[in-house]
C-alpha atoms as a PDB file:
ATOM      1  CA  MET A   1      89.998  83.685  90.985  1.00  0.00           C
ATOM      2  CA  LYS A   2      93.024  82.424  89.105  1.00  0.00           C
ATOM      3  CA  PHE A   3      95.015  84.963  87.224  1.00  0.00           C
ATOM      4  CA  TYR A   4      96.911  83.999  83.993  1.00  0.00           C
ATOM      5  CA  PRO A   5     100.561  84.973  84.369  1.00  0.00           C
ATOM      6  CA  VAL A   6     101.713  87.111  81.483  1.00  0.00           C
ATOM      7  CA  CYS A   7     104.302  89.713  80.755  1.00  0.00           C
ATOM      8  CA  LEU A   8     102.948  92.731  78.708  1.00  0.00           C
ATOM      9  CA  ASP A   9     104.781  94.921  76.194  1.00  0.00           C
ATOM     10  CA  ILE A  10     103.563  98.359  77.171  1.00  0.00           C
ATOM     11  CA  SER A  11     106.221 100.345  75.359  1.00  0.00           C
ATOM     12  CA  ASN A  12     104.762 103.557  73.929  1.00  0.00           C
ATOM     13  CA  LYS A  13     101.281 102.494  74.959  1.00  0.00           C
ATOM     14  CA  ARG A  14      98.919 104.867  76.682  1.00  0.00           C
ATOM     15  CA  CYS A  15      98.547 103.824  80.328  1.00  0.00           C
ATOM     16  CA  VAL A  16      96.282 105.947  82.549  1.00  0.00           C
ATOM     17  CA  VAL A  17      96.790 106.169  86.291  1.00  0.00           C
ATOM     18  CA  VAL A  18      93.931 107.802  88.245  1.00  0.00           C
ATOM     19  CA  GLY A  19      94.961 109.250  91.584  1.00  0.00           C
ATOM     20  CA  GLY A  20      97.728 111.472  92.902  1.00  0.00           C
ATOM     21  CA  GLY A  21      99.035 109.880  96.102  1.00  0.00           C
ATOM     22  CA  GLU A  22     102.003 107.696  96.935  1.00  0.00           C
ATOM     23  CA  VAL A  23     100.387 104.533  95.411  1.00  0.00           C
ATOM     24  CA  ALA A  24      99.737 106.411  92.140  1.00  0.00           C
ATOM     25  CA  GLU A  25     103.381 107.613  92.158  1.00  0.00           C
ATOM     26  CA  ARG A  26     104.654 104.062  92.512  1.00  0.00           C
ATOM     27  CA  LYS A  27     102.400 102.738  89.757  1.00  0.00           C
ATOM     28  CA  ALA A  28     103.380 105.554  87.399  1.00  0.00           C
ATOM     29  CA  ALA A  29     107.091 104.934  88.055  1.00  0.00           C
ATOM     30  CA  LYS A  30     106.814 101.280  87.233  1.00  0.00           C
ATOM     31  CA  LEU A  31     104.992 101.988  84.078  1.00  0.00           C
ATOM     32  CA  LEU A  32     107.614 104.473  83.031  1.00  0.00           C
ATOM     33  CA  GLU A  33     110.281 101.895  83.641  1.00  0.00           C
ATOM     34  CA  CYS A  34     108.626  99.790  80.988  1.00  0.00           C
ATOM     35  CA  GLY A  35     108.384 102.528  78.398  1.00  0.00           C
ATOM     36  CA  ALA A  36     104.721 103.383  78.760  1.00  0.00           C
ATOM     37  CA  ARG A  37     103.211 106.734  77.852  1.00  0.00           C
ATOM     38  CA  VAL A  38     101.761 107.589  81.321  1.00  0.00           C
ATOM     39  CA  VAL A  39      98.836 109.833  81.748  1.00  0.00           C
ATOM     40  CA  LEU A  40      98.058 110.846  85.308  1.00  0.00           C
ATOM     41  CA  VAL A  41      94.475 111.993  86.146  1.00  0.00           C
ATOM     42  CA  GLY A  42      93.941 113.910  89.413  1.00  0.00           C
ATOM     43  CA  LYS A  43      93.847 117.366  90.918  1.00  0.00           C
ATOM     44  CA  THR A  44      96.587 116.647  93.450  1.00  0.00           C
ATOM     45  CA  MET A  45     100.085 115.236  93.038  1.00  0.00           C
ATOM     46  CA  THR A  46     102.899 114.015  95.266  1.00  0.00           C
ATOM     47  CA  PRO A  47     106.233 115.864  94.812  1.00  0.00           C
ATOM     48  CA  GLY A  48     107.508 112.756  93.041  1.00  0.00           C
ATOM     49  CA  LEU A  49     104.637 112.840  90.488  1.00  0.00           C
ATOM     50  CA  ARG A  50     105.106 116.577  90.082  1.00  0.00           C
ATOM     51  CA  ALA A  51     108.873 115.918  89.288  1.00  0.00           C
ATOM     52  CA  MET A  52     107.872 113.334  86.734  1.00  0.00           C
ATOM     53  CA  LYS A  53     105.452 115.904  85.124  1.00  0.00           C
ATOM     54  CA  ASP A  54     108.042 118.779  85.218  1.00  0.00           C
ATOM     55  CA  GLU A  55     110.604 116.530  83.494  1.00  0.00           C
ATOM     56  CA  GLY A  56     108.156 115.679  80.779  1.00  0.00           C
ATOM     57  CA  ASN A  57     107.913 112.010  81.711  1.00  0.00           C
ATOM     58  CA  ILE A  58     104.153 111.985  82.261  1.00  0.00           C
ATOM     59  CA  GLU A  59     101.140 113.864  81.055  1.00  0.00           C
ATOM     60  CA  HIS A  60      99.063 115.291  83.746  1.00  0.00           C
ATOM     61  CA  VAL A  61      95.193 115.966  83.584  1.00  0.00           C
ATOM     62  CA  PRO A  62      94.401 118.129  86.605  1.00  0.00           C
ATOM     63  CA  ASP A  63      90.776 117.010  86.784  1.00  0.00           C
ATOM     64  CA  ASP A  64      88.439 114.752  88.623  1.00  0.00           C
ATOM     65  CA  TYR A  65      88.025 111.403  86.786  1.00  0.00           C
ATOM     66  CA  ARG A  66      85.775 111.262  83.752  1.00  0.00           C
ATOM     67  CA  ARG A  67      85.120 108.539  81.321  1.00  0.00           C
ATOM     68  CA  GLU A  68      86.718 110.337  78.478  1.00  0.00           C
ATOM     69  CA  HIS A  69      90.064 110.283  80.288  1.00  0.00           C
ATOM     70  CA  ILE A  70      90.575 106.624  79.481  1.00  0.00           C
ATOM     71  CA  GLU A  71      89.787 106.781  75.773  1.00  0.00           C
ATOM     72  CA  GLY A  72      92.474 105.137  73.799  1.00  0.00           C
ATOM     73  CA  ALA A  73      94.154 103.662  76.877  1.00  0.00           C
ATOM     74  CA  PHE A  74      95.831 100.234  76.803  1.00  0.00           C
ATOM     75  CA  LEU A  75      95.446  99.812  80.448  1.00  0.00           C
ATOM     76  CA  VAL A  76      94.109 101.771  83.448  1.00  0.00           C
ATOM     77  CA  ILE A  77      95.138 101.756  87.105  1.00  0.00           C
ATOM     78  CA  GLY A  78      92.719 103.212  89.651  1.00  0.00           C
ATOM     79  CA  ALA A  79      94.609 104.470  92.733  1.00  0.00           C
ATOM     80  CA  THR A  80      92.143 106.723  94.395  1.00  0.00           C
ATOM     81  CA  ASP A  81      90.781 106.405  98.028  1.00  0.00           C
ATOM     82  CA  ARG A  82      87.162 106.877  96.895  1.00  0.00           C
ATOM     83  CA  ASP A  83      85.154 103.597  96.362  1.00  0.00           C
ATOM     84  CA  ASP A  84      82.589 105.333  94.040  1.00  0.00           C
ATOM     85  CA  VAL A  85      85.320 106.664  91.790  1.00  0.00           C
ATOM     86  CA  ASN A  86      87.171 103.317  91.751  1.00  0.00           C
ATOM     87  CA  GLU A  87      83.864 101.581  90.808  1.00  0.00           C
ATOM     88  CA  LYS A  88      83.364 104.028  87.939  1.00  0.00           C
ATOM     89  CA  ILE A  89      86.904 103.543  86.668  1.00  0.00           C
ATOM     90  CA  PHE A  90      86.317  99.767  86.807  1.00  0.00           C
ATOM     91  CA  ARG A  91      82.990  99.850  84.968  1.00  0.00           C
ATOM     92  CA  ASP A  92      84.164 102.334  82.329  1.00  0.00           C
ATOM     93  CA  SER A  93      87.343 100.401  81.563  1.00  0.00           C
ATOM     94  CA  ARG A  94      85.519  97.084  81.374  1.00  0.00           C
ATOM     95  CA  GLY A  95      82.850  98.540  79.055  1.00  0.00           C
ATOM     96  CA  ARG A  96      85.542  99.578  76.639  1.00  0.00           C
ATOM     97  CA  GLY A  97      87.588  96.339  76.742  1.00  0.00           C
ATOM     98  CA  ILE A  98      90.550  98.219  78.451  1.00  0.00           C
ATOM     99  CA  LEU A  99      92.611  96.241  80.995  1.00  0.00           C
ATOM    100  CA  VAL A 100      91.966  97.684  84.481  1.00  0.00           C
ATOM    101  CA  ASN A 101      93.511  97.281  87.857  1.00  0.00           C
ATOM    102  CA  ILE A 102      91.890  98.821  90.930  1.00  0.00           C
ATOM    103  CA  VAL A 103      94.655  98.909  93.510  1.00  0.00           C
ATOM    104  CA  ASP A 104      94.175  96.452  96.398  1.00  0.00           C
ATOM    105  CA  GLU A 105      90.840  95.184  95.032  1.00  0.00           C
ATOM    106  CA  PRO A 106      91.366  91.947  93.065  1.00  0.00           C
ATOM    107  CA  ALA A 107      87.626  91.597  92.358  1.00  0.00           C
ATOM    108  CA  ARG A 108      87.927  94.854  90.383  1.00  0.00           C
ATOM    109  CA  CYS A 109      90.921  93.759  88.395  1.00  0.00           C
ATOM    110  CA  ASP A 110      91.643  92.285  84.977  1.00  0.00           C
ATOM    111  CA  PHE A 111      95.281  91.896  86.066  1.00  0.00           C
ATOM    112  CA  ILE A 112      97.243  92.204  89.213  1.00  0.00           C
ATOM    113  CA  VAL A 113     100.786  93.475  89.524  1.00  0.00           C
ATOM    114  CA  PRO A 114     103.131  91.033  91.212  1.00  0.00           C
ATOM    115  CA  ALA A 115     106.088  91.870  93.375  1.00  0.00           C
ATOM    116  CA  VAL A 116     109.018  91.867  91.050  1.00  0.00           C
ATOM    117  CA  PHE A 117     112.795  92.303  90.991  1.00  0.00           C
ATOM    118  CA  ARG A 118     115.167  92.444  88.010  1.00  0.00           C
ATOM    119  CA  ARG A 119     118.600  91.282  87.238  1.00  0.00           C
ATOM    120  CA  LYS A 120     119.203  92.880  83.922  1.00  0.00           C
ATOM    121  CA  ASP A 121     116.917  90.833  81.580  1.00  0.00           C
ATOM    122  CA  LEU A 122     116.018  88.353  84.280  1.00  0.00           C
ATOM    123  CA  LEU A 123     112.689  89.197  85.812  1.00  0.00           C
ATOM    124  CA  VAL A 124     111.348  87.446  88.846  1.00  0.00           C
ATOM    125  CA  ALA A 125     107.692  88.014  89.667  1.00  0.00           C
ATOM    126  CA  ILE A 126     105.933  86.862  92.779  1.00  0.00           C
ATOM    127  CA  SER A 127     102.113  86.927  93.180  1.00  0.00           C
ATOM    128  CA  THR A 128      99.746  85.721  95.927  1.00  0.00           C
ATOM    129  CA  GLY A 129      96.725  86.139  93.683  1.00  0.00           C
ATOM    130  CA  GLY A 130      95.947  89.433  95.473  1.00  0.00           C
ATOM    131  CA  LYS A 131      95.591  87.699  98.826  1.00  0.00           C
ATOM    132  CA  SER A 132      98.690  89.092 100.581  1.00  0.00           C
ATOM    133  CA  PRO A 133     100.862  91.782  98.937  1.00  0.00           C
ATOM    134  CA  ALA A 134     102.780  91.917 102.168  1.00  0.00           C
ATOM    135  CA  LEU A 135     103.805  88.194 101.758  1.00  0.00           C
ATOM    136  CA  ALA A 136     104.695  88.814  98.122  1.00  0.00           C
ATOM    137  CA  LYS A 137     106.925  91.593  99.154  1.00  0.00           C
ATOM    138  CA  ARG A 138     108.597  89.559 101.924  1.00  0.00           C
ATOM    139  CA  LEU A 139     109.339  86.786  99.491  1.00  0.00           C
ATOM    140  CA  ARG A 140     110.732  89.257  96.903  1.00  0.00           C
ATOM    141  CA  GLU A 141     113.051  90.782  99.525  1.00  0.00           C
ATOM    142  CA  SER A 142     114.343  87.313 100.486  1.00  0.00           C
ATOM    143  CA  MET A 143     114.870  86.286  96.842  1.00  0.00           C
ATOM    144  CA  GLU A 144     116.640  89.552  96.038  1.00  0.00           C
ATOM    145  CA  GLU A 145     119.202  88.704  98.574  1.00  0.00           C
ATOM    146  CA  GLU A 146     119.602  85.103  97.212  1.00  0.00           C
ATOM    147  CA  TYR A 147     119.664  86.038  93.494  1.00  0.00           C
ATOM    148  CA  GLY A 148     122.172  88.801  93.055  1.00  0.00           C
ATOM    149  CA  PRO A 149     123.438  90.697  90.045  1.00  0.00           C
ATOM    150  CA  GLU A 150     125.535  87.720  89.000  1.00  0.00           C
ATOM    151  CA  TYR A 151     122.376  86.202  87.691  1.00  0.00           C
ATOM    152  CA  GLY A 152     121.836  88.972  85.222  1.00  0.00           C
ATOM    153  CA  ILE A 153     125.442  88.379  83.926  1.00  0.00           C
ATOM    154  CA  LEU A 154     124.707  84.610  83.785  1.00  0.00           C
ATOM    155  CA  LEU A 155     121.623  85.303  81.702  1.00  0.00           C
ATOM    156  CA  ASP A 156     123.600  87.483  79.185  1.00  0.00           C
ATOM    157  CA  ILE A 157     126.178  84.573  78.875  1.00  0.00           C
ATOM    158  CA  MET A 158     123.402  82.012  78.391  1.00  0.00           C
ATOM    159  CA  GLY A 159     121.561  84.117  75.840  1.00  0.00           C
ATOM    160  CA  ASP A 160     124.841  84.514  73.778  1.00  0.00           C
ATOM    161  CA  LEU A 161     125.635  80.827  74.124  1.00  0.00           C
ATOM    162  CA  ARG A 162     122.131  79.889  73.051  1.00  0.00           C
ATOM    163  CA  GLU A 163     122.442  81.758  69.759  1.00  0.00           C
ATOM    164  CA  ARG A 164     125.783  80.250  69.009  1.00  0.00           C
ATOM    165  CA  ILE A 165     124.723  76.625  69.925  1.00  0.00           C
ATOM    166  CA  ILE A 166     121.508  76.801  67.974  1.00  0.00           C
ATOM    167  CA  ALA A 167     123.343  78.215  64.910  1.00  0.00           C
ATOM    168  CA  ARG A 168     125.429  75.088  64.921  1.00  0.00           C
ATOM    169  CA  GLY A 169     122.384  72.945  63.965  1.00  0.00           C
ATOM    170  CA  GLY A 170     122.379  70.410  66.722  1.00  0.00           C
ATOM    171  CA  THR A 171     119.252  68.598  67.811  1.00  0.00           C
ATOM    172  CA  PRO A 172     117.142  70.076  70.632  1.00  0.00           C
ATOM    173  CA  ALA A 173     118.130  67.223  72.921  1.00  0.00           C
ATOM    174  CA  GLU A 174     121.906  67.851  72.152  1.00  0.00           C
ATOM    175  CA  ASN A 175     121.499  71.580  72.737  1.00  0.00           C
ATOM    176  CA  LYS A 176     119.608  71.059  76.030  1.00  0.00           C
ATOM    177  CA  LYS A 177     122.446  68.861  77.324  1.00  0.00           C
ATOM    178  CA  ILE A 178     124.949  71.674  76.605  1.00  0.00           C
ATOM    179  CA  PHE A 179     122.862  74.353  78.304  1.00  0.00           C
ATOM    180  CA  GLU A 180     122.275  72.184  81.343  1.00  0.00           C
ATOM    181  CA  SER A 181     126.008  71.301  81.632  1.00  0.00           C
ATOM    182  CA  VAL A 182     126.905  74.994  81.689  1.00  0.00           C
ATOM    183  CA  LEU A 183     124.356  75.720  84.474  1.00  0.00           C
ATOM    184  CA  ASP A 184     125.624  72.627  86.405  1.00  0.00           C
ATOM    185  CA  SER A 185     129.191  73.992  86.157  1.00  0.00           C
ATOM    186  CA  ASP A 186     130.885  76.427  88.586  1.00  0.00           C
ATOM    187  CA  ILE A 187     130.059  79.330  86.212  1.00  0.00           C
ATOM    188  CA  LEU A 188     128.228  81.263  88.895  1.00  0.00           C
ATOM    189  CA  ARG A 189     131.168  81.048  91.330  1.00  0.00           C
ATOM    190  CA  HIS A 190     133.449  82.346  88.532  1.00  0.00           C
ATOM    191  CA  ILE A 191     131.182  85.236  87.773  1.00  0.00           C
ATOM    192  CA  ARG A 192     131.011  86.143  91.487  1.00  0.00           C
ATOM    193  CA  GLU A 193     134.789  86.037  91.689  1.00  0.00           C
ATOM    194  CA  ALA A 194     135.229  88.212  88.702  1.00  0.00           C
ATOM    195  CA  MET A 195     132.711  90.743  90.117  1.00  0.00           C
ATOM    196  CA  ARG A 196     134.761  90.886  93.352  1.00  0.00           C
ATOM    197  CA  VAL A 197     137.943  91.595  91.457  1.00  0.00           C
ATOM    198  CA  THR A 198     136.415  94.424  89.368  1.00  0.00           C
ATOM    199  CA  SER A 199     134.551  96.043  92.231  1.00  0.00           C
END
């Protein structure tokens, strides 16, 4: 199975997580980070999920999973430890054309969630196609050390520069040469030095 890499805009979209354990908590937290309207379905909750509910960040449906819980959802994540429930979530979602992810079961997924890290607007995602989340995590941790917060600052600079350069009306080839010359310069070293001075 080959997954098509894509970044989804889930802001203000209904995203349902079925389950109440630590995995469900991690999934809900990541969805919230991206602005989703998170609905948690399950009779039990971790303290972290309860805090999300008490703070009004997620909606909680204290019930066993039923098909109607996913009506109107943009995507569904099944994070239960029961195979029969996960299978029902998968079939119900597929039958309604709703994107579904059953945790740790690539064959029951329309999408998989890569290991990611962010540096402001820079998002780095690593996927093993569901074969080894542990390897994806290891690679992410290694790359987090190599690509520090200076890359987020660099991206802000490059974004501002891109707007200015394109507004000048040069050809794509001329613009590309400017962008590459900036990236080939000592700009990262200067950013790191400035960060050390201000820290």
